[in-house]
Amino acid sequence: MTDSDEDNLNFDDLQNITKQIERYKNDPDTSGMFVSGWDDADQDVTVVDDPKANPIDYILWAAENGNVQILNEILSKRPDLVHACDSDGYTPLHRAAYGNHILAIASLLKAGANINLKTELGWTPLHSACNWNNYEAVARLLAAGADSYAVSDGEQTPLHLAAAVSHSKSTLLILLLREDSTEIANKCNNSGETPIQLARGHGIYAPIFEMVLPAVSYIRSIAFTCNSYMKEV
């Protein structure tokens, strides 16, 4: 592309290009052209050339891409596939949580997906959402009963993962505004690090812990209750 071509490329052109790319990404016949590392930040996920060839690959692909129509079509014929997983133990719900696909998460939960099922490394769907600051998915999973105490093989809670990255303010706020946040914020992983320590060493949001946790502790304390009889106990 020449400089003059770039000058003639307007906003509508860019929108059309973006829409075309999305169509290719959402089509199982062409999605193999796009590499999407979803399960581990340090490794590339294996690309499946033809997701339609295998029902498990197909439902995992649909969940990862947030294609609710295909998800529902698959589950209407094979409801057992809601529990499908890849070789690392990642289920459709893990992949939907990784991609922050709220409608896909809702469909999978309605179909009976296990919200706290763990991968080979002990990650729940909530871990997957927290690792990428998918705060909408985090809120949806917590509302459905996801276990915020769940730990991976490295004794990492979802809060550990959110605290260790520098772009997780929204996820941290959602996790810390829960009544169990005080205990989890002080829980050590297998390296002896708490979420608070990780936030201080790896992120920029340690002050959030310092502001929120005292308030949460006070709200949970007996001094905060409006029941005068409880205060006297």
C-alpha atoms as a PDB file:
ATOM      1  CA  MET A   1       0.000   0.000   0.000  1.00  0.00           C
ATOM      2  CA  THR A   2       1.363   3.404  -1.027  1.00  0.00           C
ATOM      3  CA  ASP A   3       1.170   6.604   0.990  1.00  0.00           C
ATOM      4  CA  SER A   4      -1.542   7.877  -1.323  1.00  0.00           C
ATOM      5  CA  ASP A   5      -3.548   4.697  -0.794  1.00  0.00           C
ATOM      6  CA  GLU A   6      -3.311   5.209   2.961  1.00  0.00           C
ATOM      7  CA  ASP A   7      -4.577   8.748   2.597  1.00  0.00           C
ATOM      8  CA  ASN A   8      -7.604   7.490   0.681  1.00  0.00           C
ATOM      9  CA  LEU A   9      -8.418   4.824   3.273  1.00  0.00           C
ATOM     10  CA  ASN A  10     -11.300   6.287   5.247  1.00  0.00           C
ATOM     11  CA  PHE A  11     -13.132   5.216   8.375  1.00  0.00           C
ATOM     12  CA  ASP A  12     -15.815   3.330   6.448  1.00  0.00           C
ATOM     13  CA  ASP A  13     -13.130   1.273   4.716  1.00  0.00           C
ATOM     14  CA  LEU A  14     -11.610   0.332   8.053  1.00  0.00           C
ATOM     15  CA  GLN A  15     -15.012  -0.663   9.399  1.00  0.00           C
ATOM     16  CA  ASN A  16     -15.637  -2.880   6.369  1.00  0.00           C
ATOM     17  CA  ILE A  17     -12.235  -4.527   6.768  1.00  0.00           C
ATOM     18  CA  THR A  18     -12.903  -5.157  10.462  1.00  0.00           C
ATOM     19  CA  LYS A  19     -16.309  -6.681   9.714  1.00  0.00           C
ATOM     20  CA  GLN A  20     -14.780  -8.935   7.058  1.00  0.00           C
ATOM     21  CA  ILE A  21     -12.111 -10.154   9.484  1.00  0.00           C
ATOM     22  CA  GLU A  22     -14.770 -10.896  12.104  1.00  0.00           C
ATOM     23  CA  ARG A  23     -16.786 -12.889   9.553  1.00  0.00           C
ATOM     24  CA  TYR A  24     -13.749 -15.013   8.766  1.00  0.00           C
ATOM     25  CA  LYS A  25     -12.954 -15.500  12.467  1.00  0.00           C
ATOM     26  CA  ASN A  26     -16.523 -16.578  13.232  1.00  0.00           C
ATOM     27  CA  ASP A  27     -16.718 -19.020  10.346  1.00  0.00           C
ATOM     28  CA  PRO A  28     -15.444 -22.510  11.312  1.00  0.00           C
ATOM     29  CA  ASP A  29     -14.229 -23.028   7.751  1.00  0.00           C
ATOM     30  CA  THR A  30     -11.824 -20.084   7.928  1.00  0.00           C
ATOM     31  CA  SER A  31     -11.211 -19.535  11.644  1.00  0.00           C
ATOM     32  CA  GLY A  32      -8.050 -21.665  11.511  1.00  0.00           C
ATOM     33  CA  MET A  33      -6.282 -18.716   9.884  1.00  0.00           C
ATOM     34  CA  PHE A  34      -6.398 -16.887  13.224  1.00  0.00           C
ATOM     35  CA  VAL A  35      -4.259 -17.955  16.177  1.00  0.00           C
ATOM     36  CA  SER A  36      -5.878 -17.311  19.564  1.00  0.00           C
ATOM     37  CA  GLY A  37      -3.884 -18.060  22.698  1.00  0.00           C
ATOM     38  CA  TRP A  38      -6.592 -18.485  25.283  1.00  0.00           C
ATOM     39  CA  ASP A  39      -5.613 -20.969  27.964  1.00  0.00           C
ATOM     40  CA  ASP A  40      -2.122 -19.834  28.897  1.00  0.00           C
ATOM     41  CA  ALA A  41      -0.452 -16.469  28.441  1.00  0.00           C
ATOM     42  CA  ASP A  42       2.888 -18.113  27.657  1.00  0.00           C
ATOM     43  CA  GLN A  43       1.776 -20.752  25.177  1.00  0.00           C
ATOM     44  CA  ASP A  44      -0.112 -20.821  21.898  1.00  0.00           C
ATOM     45  CA  VAL A  45      -3.248 -22.909  21.811  1.00  0.00           C
ATOM     46  CA  THR A  46      -3.317 -25.651  19.209  1.00  0.00           C
ATOM     47  CA  VAL A  47      -5.248 -24.459  16.177  1.00  0.00           C
ATOM     48  CA  VAL A  48      -7.913 -26.859  14.946  1.00  0.00           C
ATOM     49  CA  ASP A  49      -8.083 -26.754  11.161  1.00  0.00           C
ATOM     50  CA  ASP A  50     -11.691 -27.917  10.932  1.00  0.00           C
ATOM     51  CA  PRO A  51     -13.710 -27.472  14.152  1.00  0.00           C
ATOM     52  CA  LYS A  52     -16.785 -29.009  12.508  1.00  0.00           C
ATOM     53  CA  ALA A  53     -15.029 -32.352  12.096  1.00  0.00           C
ATOM     54  CA  ASN A  54     -15.296 -33.193  15.792  1.00  0.00           C
ATOM     55  CA  PRO A  55     -18.242 -32.327  18.073  1.00  0.00           C
ATOM     56  CA  ILE A  56     -15.942 -31.532  21.013  1.00  0.00           C
ATOM     57  CA  ASP A  57     -13.755 -29.247  18.920  1.00  0.00           C
ATOM     58  CA  TYR A  58     -16.860 -27.626  17.516  1.00  0.00           C
ATOM     59  CA  ILE A  59     -18.463 -26.745  20.858  1.00  0.00           C
ATOM     60  CA  LEU A  60     -15.136 -25.528  22.238  1.00  0.00           C
ATOM     61  CA  TRP A  61     -14.706 -23.357  19.149  1.00  0.00           C
ATOM     62  CA  ALA A  62     -18.232 -21.979  19.462  1.00  0.00           C
ATOM     63  CA  ALA A  63     -17.706 -21.114  23.132  1.00  0.00           C
ATOM     64  CA  GLU A  64     -14.329 -19.507  22.514  1.00  0.00           C
ATOM     65  CA  ASN A  65     -15.799 -17.353  19.764  1.00  0.00           C
ATOM     66  CA  GLY A  66     -19.027 -16.568  21.613  1.00  0.00           C
ATOM     67  CA  ASN A  67     -21.208 -18.071  18.895  1.00  0.00           C
ATOM     68  CA  VAL A  68     -24.362 -18.641  20.930  1.00  0.00           C
ATOM     69  CA  GLN A  69     -26.424 -19.849  17.979  1.00  0.00           C
ATOM     70  CA  ILE A  70     -24.054 -22.704  17.239  1.00  0.00           C
ATOM     71  CA  LEU A  71     -23.675 -23.452  20.952  1.00  0.00           C
ATOM     72  CA  ASN A  72     -27.417 -23.838  21.357  1.00  0.00           C
ATOM     73  CA  GLU A  73     -27.693 -25.937  18.209  1.00  0.00           C
ATOM     74  CA  ILE A  74     -25.004 -28.320  19.427  1.00  0.00           C
ATOM     75  CA  LEU A  75     -26.426 -28.560  22.942  1.00  0.00           C
ATOM     76  CA  SER A  76     -29.951 -29.190  21.667  1.00  0.00           C
ATOM     77  CA  LYS A  77     -28.665 -32.326  19.943  1.00  0.00           C
ATOM     78  CA  ARG A  78     -25.871 -33.292  22.351  1.00  0.00           C
ATOM     79  CA  PRO A  79     -26.543 -31.797  25.807  1.00  0.00           C
ATOM     80  CA  ASP A  80     -23.726 -33.929  27.230  1.00  0.00           C
ATOM     81  CA  LEU A  81     -21.195 -31.806  25.343  1.00  0.00           C
ATOM     82  CA  VAL A  82     -21.651 -29.017  27.873  1.00  0.00           C
ATOM     83  CA  HIS A  83     -19.147 -31.069  29.908  1.00  0.00           C
ATOM     84  CA  ALA A  84     -16.708 -31.562  27.013  1.00  0.00           C
ATOM     85  CA  CYS A  85     -13.079 -30.595  27.520  1.00  0.00           C
ATOM     86  CA  ASP A  86      -9.816 -30.482  25.632  1.00  0.00           C
ATOM     87  CA  SER A  87      -6.631 -32.344  26.516  1.00  0.00           C
ATOM     88  CA  ASP A  88      -5.777 -29.744  29.173  1.00  0.00           C
ATOM     89  CA  GLY A  89      -9.188 -29.931  30.823  1.00  0.00           C
ATOM     90  CA  TYR A  90     -10.602 -26.657  29.528  1.00  0.00           C
ATOM     91  CA  THR A  91     -14.370 -26.813  29.052  1.00  0.00           C
ATOM     92  CA  PRO A  92     -16.644 -24.656  26.895  1.00  0.00           C
ATOM     93  CA  LEU A  93     -17.337 -22.537  29.976  1.00  0.00           C
ATOM     94  CA  HIS A  94     -13.601 -21.932  30.488  1.00  0.00           C
ATOM     95  CA  ARG A  95     -13.294 -20.792  26.886  1.00  0.00           C
ATOM     96  CA  ALA A  96     -16.338 -18.545  27.061  1.00  0.00           C
ATOM     97  CA  ALA A  97     -14.956 -17.002  30.253  1.00  0.00           C
ATOM     98  CA  TYR A  98     -11.590 -16.463  28.593  1.00  0.00           C
ATOM     99  CA  GLY A  99     -13.285 -14.637  25.725  1.00  0.00           C
ATOM    100  CA  ASN A 100     -15.608 -12.604  27.987  1.00  0.00           C
ATOM    101  CA  HIS A 101     -18.649 -13.926  26.119  1.00  0.00           C
ATOM    102  CA  ILE A 102     -21.488 -13.253  28.567  1.00  0.00           C
ATOM    103  CA  LEU A 103     -24.306 -14.711  26.481  1.00  0.00           C
ATOM    104  CA  ALA A 104     -22.310 -17.870  25.837  1.00  0.00           C
ATOM    105  CA  ILE A 105     -21.622 -18.177  29.569  1.00  0.00           C
ATOM    106  CA  ALA A 106     -25.342 -17.813  30.286  1.00  0.00           C
ATOM    107  CA  SER A 107     -26.259 -20.481  27.721  1.00  0.00           C
ATOM    108  CA  LEU A 108     -23.696 -22.923  29.083  1.00  0.00           C
ATOM    109  CA  LEU A 109     -24.788 -22.377  32.684  1.00  0.00           C
ATOM    110  CA  LYS A 110     -28.416 -22.879  31.679  1.00  0.00           C
ATOM    111  CA  ALA A 111     -27.377 -26.132  30.010  1.00  0.00           C
ATOM    112  CA  GLY A 112     -25.828 -27.370  33.253  1.00  0.00           C
ATOM    113  CA  ALA A 113     -22.148 -26.480  32.935  1.00  0.00           C
ATOM    114  CA  ASN A 114     -20.127 -27.071  36.102  1.00  0.00           C
ATOM    115  CA  ILE A 115     -19.137 -23.570  37.152  1.00  0.00           C
ATOM    116  CA  ASN A 116     -16.284 -24.735  39.388  1.00  0.00           C
ATOM    117  CA  LEU A 117     -14.832 -27.518  37.237  1.00  0.00           C
ATOM    118  CA  LYS A 118     -11.037 -27.386  37.177  1.00  0.00           C
ATOM    119  CA  THR A 119      -8.528 -27.881  34.375  1.00  0.00           C
ATOM    120  CA  GLU A 120      -5.460 -30.104  34.633  1.00  0.00           C
ATOM    121  CA  LEU A 121      -3.684 -27.163  36.305  1.00  0.00           C
ATOM    122  CA  GLY A 122      -6.583 -26.470  38.631  1.00  0.00           C
ATOM    123  CA  TRP A 123      -8.052 -23.422  36.892  1.00  0.00           C
ATOM    124  CA  THR A 124     -11.777 -22.764  37.160  1.00  0.00           C
ATOM    125  CA  PRO A 125     -13.650 -20.628  34.620  1.00  0.00           C
ATOM    126  CA  LEU A 126     -13.367 -17.786  37.153  1.00  0.00           C
ATOM    127  CA  HIS A 127      -9.560 -18.089  37.004  1.00  0.00           C
ATOM    128  CA  SER A 128      -9.748 -17.806  33.209  1.00  0.00           C
ATOM    129  CA  ALA A 129     -11.873 -14.668  33.385  1.00  0.00           C
ATOM    130  CA  CYS A 130      -9.773 -13.006  36.085  1.00  0.00           C
ATOM    131  CA  ASN A 131      -6.502 -13.662  34.304  1.00  0.00           C
ATOM    132  CA  TRP A 132      -7.604 -11.429  31.419  1.00  0.00           C
ATOM    133  CA  ASN A 133      -9.561  -8.766  33.339  1.00  0.00           C
ATOM    134  CA  ASN A 134     -12.828  -9.962  31.821  1.00  0.00           C
ATOM    135  CA  TYR A 135     -14.746  -8.260  34.582  1.00  0.00           C
ATOM    136  CA  GLU A 136     -18.165  -8.781  32.973  1.00  0.00           C
ATOM    137  CA  ALA A 137     -17.551 -12.526  32.863  1.00  0.00           C
ATOM    138  CA  VAL A 138     -16.194 -12.375  36.422  1.00  0.00           C
ATOM    139  CA  ALA A 139     -19.370 -10.683  37.667  1.00  0.00           C
ATOM    140  CA  ARG A 140     -21.590 -13.170  35.792  1.00  0.00           C
ATOM    141  CA  LEU A 141     -19.748 -16.188  37.133  1.00  0.00           C
ATOM    142  CA  LEU A 142     -19.756 -14.892  40.706  1.00  0.00           C
ATOM    143  CA  ALA A 143     -23.477 -14.153  40.464  1.00  0.00           C
ATOM    144  CA  ALA A 144     -23.996 -17.771  39.403  1.00  0.00           C
ATOM    145  CA  GLY A 145     -22.073 -19.096  42.418  1.00  0.00           C
ATOM    146  CA  ALA A 146     -18.472 -19.385  41.242  1.00  0.00           C
ATOM    147  CA  ASP A 147     -16.093 -20.191  44.103  1.00  0.00           C
ATOM    148  CA  SER A 148     -13.814 -17.215  44.719  1.00  0.00           C
ATOM    149  CA  TYR A 149     -11.792 -19.364  47.156  1.00  0.00           C
ATOM    150  CA  ALA A 150     -10.936 -21.928  44.459  1.00  0.00           C
ATOM    151  CA  VAL A 151      -7.210 -22.554  44.159  1.00  0.00           C
ATOM    152  CA  SER A 152      -5.119 -23.869  41.284  1.00  0.00           C
ATOM    153  CA  ASP A 153      -2.275 -26.371  41.598  1.00  0.00           C
ATOM    154  CA  GLY A 154      -0.063 -23.433  42.543  1.00  0.00           C
ATOM    155  CA  GLU A 155      -2.508 -22.419  45.292  1.00  0.00           C
ATOM    156  CA  GLN A 156      -3.481 -19.394  43.227  1.00  0.00           C
ATOM    157  CA  THR A 157      -6.934 -17.949  43.773  1.00  0.00           C
ATOM    158  CA  PRO A 158      -8.619 -15.887  41.054  1.00  0.00           C
ATOM    159  CA  LEU A 159      -7.670 -12.816  43.100  1.00  0.00           C
ATOM    160  CA  HIS A 160      -3.989 -13.815  42.876  1.00  0.00           C
ATOM    161  CA  LEU A 161      -4.227 -13.793  39.084  1.00  0.00           C
ATOM    162  CA  ALA A 162      -6.010 -10.444  38.941  1.00  0.00           C
ATOM    163  CA  ALA A 163      -3.543  -8.881  41.382  1.00  0.00           C
ATOM    164  CA  ALA A 164      -0.526 -10.011  39.375  1.00  0.00           C
ATOM    165  CA  VAL A 165      -1.351  -8.008  36.240  1.00  0.00           C
ATOM    166  CA  SER A 166      -1.360  -4.264  35.733  1.00  0.00           C
ATOM    167  CA  HIS A 167      -4.610  -3.886  33.802  1.00  0.00           C
ATOM    168  CA  SER A 168      -7.110  -5.459  36.181  1.00  0.00           C
ATOM    169  CA  LYS A 169      -8.705  -2.596  38.097  1.00  0.00           C
ATOM    170  CA  SER A 170     -12.294  -3.512  37.215  1.00  0.00           C
ATOM    171  CA  THR A 171     -11.838  -7.186  38.096  1.00  0.00           C
ATOM    172  CA  LEU A 172     -10.101  -6.314  41.365  1.00  0.00           C
ATOM    173  CA  LEU A 173     -12.944  -4.032  42.390  1.00  0.00           C
ATOM    174  CA  ILE A 174     -15.521  -6.749  41.744  1.00  0.00           C
ATOM    175  CA  LEU A 175     -13.538  -9.327  43.719  1.00  0.00           C
ATOM    176  CA  LEU A 176     -12.654  -7.015  46.591  1.00  0.00           C
ATOM    177  CA  LEU A 177     -16.208  -5.790  47.140  1.00  0.00           C
ATOM    178  CA  ARG A 178     -17.233  -9.276  48.233  1.00  0.00           C
ATOM    179  CA  GLU A 179     -17.511 -10.065  51.906  1.00  0.00           C
ATOM    180  CA  ASP A 180     -14.935 -12.859  51.662  1.00  0.00           C
ATOM    181  CA  SER A 181     -12.286 -10.592  50.131  1.00  0.00           C
ATOM    182  CA  THR A 182     -10.383  -9.962  53.381  1.00  0.00           C
ATOM    183  CA  GLU A 183      -9.490 -13.623  53.863  1.00  0.00           C
ATOM    184  CA  ILE A 184      -8.634 -14.235  50.224  1.00  0.00           C
ATOM    185  CA  ALA A 185      -6.489 -11.099  49.977  1.00  0.00           C
ATOM    186  CA  ASN A 186      -4.251 -12.500  52.705  1.00  0.00           C
ATOM    187  CA  LYS A 187      -4.106 -16.077  51.411  1.00  0.00           C
ATOM    188  CA  CYS A 188      -0.653 -17.286  50.310  1.00  0.00           C
ATOM    189  CA  ASN A 189       0.012 -19.189  47.121  1.00  0.00           C
ATOM    190  CA  ASN A 190       2.652 -21.928  47.016  1.00  0.00           C
ATOM    191  CA  SER A 191       5.351 -19.273  46.663  1.00  0.00           C
ATOM    192  CA  GLY A 192       4.241 -17.629  49.872  1.00  0.00           C
ATOM    193  CA  GLU A 193       2.776 -14.584  48.111  1.00  0.00           C
ATOM    194  CA  THR A 194      -0.588 -13.037  48.919  1.00  0.00           C
ATOM    195  CA  PRO A 195      -2.684 -11.114  46.377  1.00  0.00           C
ATOM    196  CA  ILE A 196      -1.767  -7.908  48.213  1.00  0.00           C
ATOM    197  CA  GLN A 197       1.944  -8.645  47.810  1.00  0.00           C
ATOM    198  CA  LEU A 198       1.484  -9.486  44.138  1.00  0.00           C
ATOM    199  CA  ALA A 199      -0.342  -6.207  43.562  1.00  0.00           C
ATOM    200  CA  ARG A 200       2.478  -4.294  45.199  1.00  0.00           C
ATOM    201  CA  GLY A 201       5.176  -6.090  43.238  1.00  0.00           C
ATOM    202  CA  HIS A 202       3.593  -6.557  39.828  1.00  0.00           C
ATOM    203  CA  GLY A 203       0.716  -4.149  39.392  1.00  0.00           C
ATOM    204  CA  ILE A 204      -0.248  -0.563  40.005  1.00  0.00           C
ATOM    205  CA  TYR A 205      -3.432  -1.144  41.947  1.00  0.00           C
ATOM    206  CA  ALA A 206      -2.148  -2.011  45.407  1.00  0.00           C
ATOM    207  CA  PRO A 207      -3.828   1.169  46.770  1.00  0.00           C
ATOM    208  CA  ILE A 208      -7.184  -0.396  45.891  1.00  0.00           C
ATOM    209  CA  PHE A 209      -6.508  -3.106  48.474  1.00  0.00           C
ATOM    210  CA  GLU A 210      -5.507  -0.493  51.016  1.00  0.00           C
ATOM    211  CA  MET A 211      -8.699   1.505  50.439  1.00  0.00           C
ATOM    212  CA  VAL A 212     -11.262  -1.264  50.102  1.00  0.00           C
ATOM    213  CA  LEU A 213     -10.231  -3.952  52.587  1.00  0.00           C
ATOM    214  CA  PRO A 214     -10.553  -1.838  55.782  1.00  0.00           C
ATOM    215  CA  ALA A 215     -14.054  -0.841  54.685  1.00  0.00           C
ATOM    216  CA  VAL A 216     -15.016  -4.450  53.968  1.00  0.00           C
ATOM    217  CA  SER A 217     -13.624  -5.544  57.340  1.00  0.00           C
ATOM    218  CA  TYR A 218     -15.639  -2.872  59.119  1.00  0.00           C
ATOM    219  CA  ILE A 219     -18.842  -3.722  57.264  1.00  0.00           C
ATOM    220  CA  ARG A 220     -18.437  -7.331  58.323  1.00  0.00           C
ATOM    221  CA  SER A 221     -17.699  -6.408  61.923  1.00  0.00           C
ATOM    222  CA  ILE A 222     -20.300  -6.425  64.675  1.00  0.00           C
ATOM    223  CA  ALA A 223     -19.747  -2.688  65.143  1.00  0.00           C
ATOM    224  CA  PHE A 224     -21.370  -2.028  61.786  1.00  0.00           C
ATOM    225  CA  THR A 225     -24.640  -3.822  62.500  1.00  0.00           C
ATOM    226  CA  CYS A 226     -27.695  -1.719  63.191  1.00  0.00           C
ATOM    227  CA  ASN A 227     -29.010  -4.392  65.551  1.00  0.00           C
ATOM    228  CA  SER A 228     -28.475  -2.935  69.002  1.00  0.00           C
ATOM    229  CA  TYR A 229     -28.907  -6.346  70.624  1.00  0.00           C
ATOM    230  CA  MET A 230     -26.099  -7.767  68.511  1.00  0.00           C
ATOM    231  CA  LYS A 231     -23.819  -4.901  69.529  1.00  0.00           C
ATOM    232  CA  GLU A 232     -24.344  -5.744  73.190  1.00  0.00           C
ATOM    233  CA  VAL A 233     -23.395  -9.410  72.811  1.00  0.00           C
END
